[in-house]
Amino acid sequence: MKVLHTLAFALLVASAAAAQAQMSKDDMSSMKMSAPGQQSAGMLTDAVVQKIDQAGGVIVLKHGDIPNLAMPAMTMGFDVADRKMLTQVKPGDKVRFHVEVVKGKPTVTHLEAAR
C-alpha cells in the first residue's frame, strides 16, 4: 500500500512540475508570492478533518482542489510542518489549509478553522 502512495505522489509531483514548466515568464512574473508563514485567501483550500495521527505527525483531510500542487479533490493524509497544528483540531472540524512539498512530501504549512 505504501508503494502505491509513493508512486501516486511521484506522479503528482511530476505532473505539477510539468504544468509549472509550461508557464511563460510573463505568467510567472504576474504571480504574487507571499512571505513564508503568510497565506493569501486564494491559496487556502477548504477541507474537513477526517483523522489525526498525533504520533505520526499526520492529518487526514477530505479536501477540495489544491491548485499549487495541481491536486484534485480527494481524501488523503498530510504531514504537518508543526505538530502543534494537530492539537488545535479534531475529526469533523471544517478547516482551511495550505500545503507545500517539503522534503519530497506534501506538508501542511498553514491550518486554520474555517469561518
C-alpha atoms as a PDB file:
ATOM      1  CA  MET A   1       0.000   0.000   0.000  1.00  0.00           C
ATOM      2  CA  LYS A   2       2.849   2.399   0.840  1.00  0.00           C
ATOM      3  CA  VAL A   3       4.364   1.726  -2.593  1.00  0.00           C
ATOM      4  CA  LEU A   4       1.090   2.835  -4.202  1.00  0.00           C
ATOM      5  CA  HIS A   5       1.061   6.046  -2.148  1.00  0.00           C
ATOM      6  CA  THR A   6       4.690   6.742  -3.073  1.00  0.00           C
ATOM      7  CA  LEU A   7       4.011   6.077  -6.755  1.00  0.00           C
ATOM      8  CA  ALA A   8       0.876   8.252  -6.729  1.00  0.00           C
ATOM      9  CA  PHE A   9       2.775  11.084  -5.057  1.00  0.00           C
ATOM     10  CA  ALA A  10       5.671  10.788  -7.531  1.00  0.00           C
ATOM     11  CA  LEU A  11       3.214  11.043 -10.421  1.00  0.00           C
ATOM     12  CA  LEU A  12       1.559  14.036  -8.768  1.00  0.00           C
ATOM     13  CA  VAL A  13       4.876  15.849  -8.315  1.00  0.00           C
ATOM     14  CA  ALA A  14       5.886  15.075 -11.909  1.00  0.00           C
ATOM     15  CA  SER A  15       2.610  16.424 -13.286  1.00  0.00           C
ATOM     16  CA  ALA A  16       2.878  19.567 -11.146  1.00  0.00           C
ATOM     17  CA  ALA A  17       6.441  20.121 -12.373  1.00  0.00           C
ATOM     18  CA  ALA A  18       5.336  19.679 -15.981  1.00  0.00           C
ATOM     19  CA  ALA A  19       2.492  22.165 -15.517  1.00  0.00           C
ATOM     20  CA  GLN A  20       4.836  24.679 -13.928  1.00  0.00           C
ATOM     21  CA  ALA A  21       7.374  24.238 -16.725  1.00  0.00           C
ATOM     22  CA  GLN A  22       4.697  25.201 -19.246  1.00  0.00           C
ATOM     23  CA  MET A  23       4.178  28.643 -17.641  1.00  0.00           C
ATOM     24  CA  SER A  24       5.749  31.524 -19.512  1.00  0.00           C
ATOM     25  CA  LYS A  25       7.961  34.125 -17.833  1.00  0.00           C
ATOM     26  CA  ASP A  26       5.093  36.616 -18.106  1.00  0.00           C
ATOM     27  CA  ASP A  27       2.785  34.220 -16.253  1.00  0.00           C
ATOM     28  CA  MET A  28       5.381  33.722 -13.538  1.00  0.00           C
ATOM     29  CA  SER A  29       6.153  37.446 -13.115  1.00  0.00           C
ATOM     30  CA  SER A  30       2.476  38.286 -12.609  1.00  0.00           C
ATOM     31  CA  MET A  31       2.109  35.795  -9.757  1.00  0.00           C
ATOM     32  CA  LYS A  32       2.064  37.264  -6.262  1.00  0.00           C
ATOM     33  CA  MET A  33       4.279  35.453  -3.806  1.00  0.00           C
ATOM     34  CA  SER A  34       3.615  35.665  -0.076  1.00  0.00           C
ATOM     35  CA  ALA A  35       6.288  35.544   2.571  1.00  0.00           C
ATOM     36  CA  PRO A  36       6.719  32.203   4.357  1.00  0.00           C
ATOM     37  CA  GLY A  37       4.041  31.789   7.005  1.00  0.00           C
ATOM     38  CA  GLN A  38       1.723  34.318   5.324  1.00  0.00           C
ATOM     39  CA  GLN A  39      -1.054  32.902   3.190  1.00  0.00           C
ATOM     40  CA  SER A  40      -3.359  34.812   0.905  1.00  0.00           C
ATOM     41  CA  ALA A  41      -7.014  33.783   0.990  1.00  0.00           C
ATOM     42  CA  GLY A  42      -6.726  32.491  -2.576  1.00  0.00           C
ATOM     43  CA  MET A  43      -4.063  29.952  -1.584  1.00  0.00           C
ATOM     44  CA  LEU A  44      -6.081  28.228   1.147  1.00  0.00           C
ATOM     45  CA  THR A  45      -8.062  25.064   0.468  1.00  0.00           C
ATOM     46  CA  ASP A  46     -11.268  24.081   2.267  1.00  0.00           C
ATOM     47  CA  ALA A  47     -11.266  20.699   3.985  1.00  0.00           C
ATOM     48  CA  VAL A  48     -12.832  18.555   6.691  1.00  0.00           C
ATOM     49  CA  VAL A  49     -10.588  16.779   9.199  1.00  0.00           C
ATOM     50  CA  GLN A  50     -11.088  13.011   8.916  1.00  0.00           C
ATOM     51  CA  LYS A  51      -8.383  11.683  11.245  1.00  0.00           C
ATOM     52  CA  ILE A  52      -5.433  12.875  13.302  1.00  0.00           C
ATOM     53  CA  ASP A  53      -2.316  10.768  13.930  1.00  0.00           C
ATOM     54  CA  GLN A  54      -0.521  12.700  16.669  1.00  0.00           C
ATOM     55  CA  ALA A  55       2.291  10.134  16.961  1.00  0.00           C
ATOM     56  CA  GLY A  56       2.959  10.089  13.218  1.00  0.00           C
ATOM     57  CA  GLY A  57       2.509  13.836  12.734  1.00  0.00           C
ATOM     58  CA  VAL A  58      -0.167  13.280  10.073  1.00  0.00           C
ATOM     59  CA  ILE A  59      -3.587  14.807   9.457  1.00  0.00           C
ATOM     60  CA  VAL A  60      -6.078  13.181   7.091  1.00  0.00           C
ATOM     61  CA  LEU A  61      -8.165  15.748   5.233  1.00  0.00           C
ATOM     62  CA  LYS A  62     -11.069  15.468   2.820  1.00  0.00           C
ATOM     63  CA  HIS A  63     -10.133  18.466   0.702  1.00  0.00           C
ATOM     64  CA  GLY A  64     -11.007  20.450  -2.386  1.00  0.00           C
ATOM     65  CA  ASP A  65      -8.657  21.078  -5.300  1.00  0.00           C
ATOM     66  CA  ILE A  66      -5.124  22.185  -4.349  1.00  0.00           C
ATOM     67  CA  PRO A  67      -4.062  24.442  -7.253  1.00  0.00           C
ATOM     68  CA  ASN A  68      -0.421  24.943  -6.267  1.00  0.00           C
ATOM     69  CA  LEU A  69       0.130  21.159  -6.418  1.00  0.00           C
ATOM     70  CA  ALA A  70      -2.294  20.539  -9.311  1.00  0.00           C
ATOM     71  CA  MET A  71      -4.039  18.066  -6.989  1.00  0.00           C
ATOM     72  CA  PRO A  72      -7.737  17.263  -7.432  1.00  0.00           C
ATOM     73  CA  ALA A  73     -10.183  16.978  -4.541  1.00  0.00           C
ATOM     74  CA  MET A  74      -9.715  13.779  -2.527  1.00  0.00           C
ATOM     75  CA  THR A  75      -9.143  12.429   0.973  1.00  0.00           C
ATOM     76  CA  MET A  76      -5.528  11.901   1.956  1.00  0.00           C
ATOM     77  CA  GLY A  77      -3.042  12.185   4.777  1.00  0.00           C
ATOM     78  CA  PHE A  78      -0.542  15.024   5.001  1.00  0.00           C
ATOM     79  CA  ASP A  79       2.496  15.575   7.166  1.00  0.00           C
ATOM     80  CA  VAL A  80       2.332  18.801   9.176  1.00  0.00           C
ATOM     81  CA  ALA A  81       5.101  21.373   9.454  1.00  0.00           C
ATOM     82  CA  ASP A  82       4.315  21.881  13.158  1.00  0.00           C
ATOM     83  CA  ARG A  83       2.722  19.126  15.265  1.00  0.00           C
ATOM     84  CA  LYS A  84       1.006  21.790  17.394  1.00  0.00           C
ATOM     85  CA  MET A  85      -1.439  22.140  14.490  1.00  0.00           C
ATOM     86  CA  LEU A  86      -2.774  18.682  15.331  1.00  0.00           C
ATOM     87  CA  THR A  87      -3.796  19.705  18.860  1.00  0.00           C
ATOM     88  CA  GLN A  88      -5.975  22.559  17.576  1.00  0.00           C
ATOM     89  CA  VAL A  89      -8.415  20.450  15.527  1.00  0.00           C
ATOM     90  CA  LYS A  90     -10.458  17.261  15.815  1.00  0.00           C
ATOM     91  CA  PRO A  91     -12.160  14.933  13.320  1.00  0.00           C
ATOM     92  CA  GLY A  92     -15.206  16.609  11.806  1.00  0.00           C
ATOM     93  CA  ASP A  93     -13.779  20.151  12.045  1.00  0.00           C
ATOM     94  CA  LYS A  94     -14.022  22.308   8.925  1.00  0.00           C
ATOM     95  CA  VAL A  95     -10.655  23.898   8.188  1.00  0.00           C
ATOM     96  CA  ARG A  96      -8.718  25.841   5.574  1.00  0.00           C
ATOM     97  CA  PHE A  97      -5.134  24.895   4.870  1.00  0.00           C
ATOM     98  CA  HIS A  98      -2.102  25.434   2.686  1.00  0.00           C
ATOM     99  CA  VAL A  99       0.191  22.615   1.613  1.00  0.00           C
ATOM    100  CA  GLU A 100       3.644  22.667   0.050  1.00  0.00           C
ATOM    101  CA  VAL A 101       6.095  19.932  -0.877  1.00  0.00           C
ATOM    102  CA  VAL A 102       8.679  19.784   1.927  1.00  0.00           C
ATOM    103  CA  LYS A 103      11.488  17.221   1.714  1.00  0.00           C
ATOM    104  CA  GLY A 104       9.583  15.445  -1.049  1.00  0.00           C
ATOM    105  CA  LYS A 105       6.287  15.145   0.885  1.00  0.00           C
ATOM    106  CA  PRO A 106       3.094  17.203   0.714  1.00  0.00           C
ATOM    107  CA  THR A 107       3.114  19.028   4.056  1.00  0.00           C
ATOM    108  CA  VAL A 108       0.510  21.282   5.667  1.00  0.00           C
ATOM    109  CA  THR A 109       2.294  24.572   6.392  1.00  0.00           C
ATOM    110  CA  HIS A 110      -0.792  26.537   7.498  1.00  0.00           C
ATOM    111  CA  LEU A 111      -4.022  25.331   9.129  1.00  0.00           C
ATOM    112  CA  GLU A 112      -6.934  27.388  10.424  1.00  0.00           C
ATOM    113  CA  ALA A 113     -10.554  26.906  11.409  1.00  0.00           C
ATOM    114  CA  ALA A 114     -12.966  27.630   8.553  1.00  0.00           C
ATOM    115  CA  ARG A 115     -15.179  30.655   9.103  1.00  0.00           C
END
